[in-house]
Amino acid sequence: MGWNYRVLAHKDGDEMYFMMHEVYYNKDGIPNSYTANGVGLGSNSIEGLEWGLDKMKEALSKPILSIENFPEEYKQDDNKV
């Protein structure tokens, strides 16, 4: 599958917040890594921005992920993400 945008849940103390990340998948379609920081949009064209925004909107209709969805070796320190 490659990658797509996904919403990841993060904890800051007792508070939960959500960020958009690029999530990467193994050959079986299982999420196995994600960008350490949330992502924003940038492009050299309006069409590129529209594409990215559409893909981020698609992510909102998918289940929210958390670091528990990733193999142990790819888990980030959630307080630093």
Protein backbone atom coordinates (compact mmCIF):
# COMPACT_ATOMS: atom_id res chain seq x y z
CA MET A 1 0.00 0.00 0.00
CA GLY A 2 2.83 2.47 0.69
CA TRP A 3 1.60 5.36 2.81
CA ASN A 4 -1.38 7.60 3.49
CA TYR A 5 -2.46 10.31 5.88
CA ARG A 6 -3.99 9.11 9.15
CA VAL A 7 -5.12 10.69 12.38
CA LEU A 8 -3.04 9.60 15.40
CA ALA A 9 -4.19 10.01 18.98
CA HIS A 10 -1.62 11.44 21.38
CA LYS A 11 -1.59 11.89 25.14
CA ASP A 12 -0.18 14.84 27.02
CA GLY A 13 -0.60 13.93 30.67
CA ASP A 14 -4.31 13.23 31.08
CA GLU A 15 -5.24 15.16 27.93
CA MET A 16 -5.81 13.51 24.55
CA TYR A 17 -5.18 15.35 21.28
CA PHE A 18 -5.10 14.37 17.63
CA MET A 19 -2.69 15.10 14.78
CA MET A 20 -2.44 14.20 11.12
CA HIS A 21 0.58 12.00 10.25
CA GLU A 22 1.92 10.15 7.27
CA VAL A 23 1.57 6.45 8.08
CA TYR A 24 3.56 3.77 6.27
CA TYR A 25 2.46 0.16 5.77
CA ASN A 26 4.20 -3.18 5.31
CA LYS A 27 3.53 -5.48 2.36
CA ASP A 28 0.52 -6.93 4.20
CA GLY A 29 -1.10 -3.50 4.63
CA ILE A 30 -0.33 -3.31 8.37
CA PRO A 31 0.76 0.12 9.69
CA ASN A 32 4.41 -0.13 10.70
CA SER A 33 5.70 3.44 11.03
CA TYR A 34 4.65 7.08 11.03
CA THR A 35 6.18 10.52 10.84
CA ALA A 36 7.55 11.66 14.18
CA ASN A 37 5.81 15.02 13.82
CA GLY A 38 2.37 15.87 12.56
CA VAL A 39 2.23 17.04 8.97
CA GLY A 40 0.97 20.15 7.23
CA LEU A 41 0.39 20.86 3.56
CA GLY A 42 2.70 22.46 1.05
CA SER A 43 2.89 22.23 -2.72
CA ASN A 44 4.14 24.02 -5.78
CA SER A 45 0.59 24.11 -7.16
CA ILE A 46 -2.98 24.66 -6.04
CA GLU A 47 -3.83 21.24 -7.47
CA GLY A 48 -1.21 19.67 -5.20
CA LEU A 49 -2.74 21.40 -2.18
CA GLU A 50 -6.20 20.21 -3.22
CA TRP A 51 -4.92 16.63 -3.58
CA GLY A 52 -3.29 16.72 -0.13
CA LEU A 53 -6.37 18.23 1.46
CA ASP A 54 -8.60 15.58 -0.14
CA LYS A 55 -6.31 12.82 1.19
CA MET A 56 -6.36 14.35 4.68
CA LYS A 57 -10.16 14.52 4.55
CA GLU A 58 -10.21 10.81 3.65
CA ALA A 59 -8.14 10.14 6.79
CA LEU A 60 -10.92 11.63 8.91
CA SER A 61 -13.26 8.83 7.82
CA LYS A 62 -10.84 6.07 8.88
CA PRO A 63 -10.31 4.71 12.40
CA ILE A 64 -8.04 6.81 14.59
CA LEU A 65 -4.68 5.17 15.25
CA SER A 66 -2.49 5.29 18.34
CA ILE A 67 1.05 4.14 18.98
CA GLU A 68 -0.32 0.79 20.12
CA ASN A 69 -1.12 0.12 16.43
CA PHE A 70 2.60 0.03 15.57
CA PRO A 71 5.33 -2.57 16.14
CA GLU A 72 7.38 -1.97 19.29
CA GLU A 73 10.51 -0.93 17.38
CA TYR A 74 8.61 1.88 15.60
CA LYS A 75 6.82 3.35 18.58
CA GLN A 76 7.70 6.96 19.28
CA ASP A 77 7.85 8.57 22.71
CA ASP A 78 4.31 9.96 22.51
CA ASN A 79 5.21 12.99 24.62
CA LYS A 80 7.83 14.00 22.05
CA VAL A 81 5.71 13.51 18.92
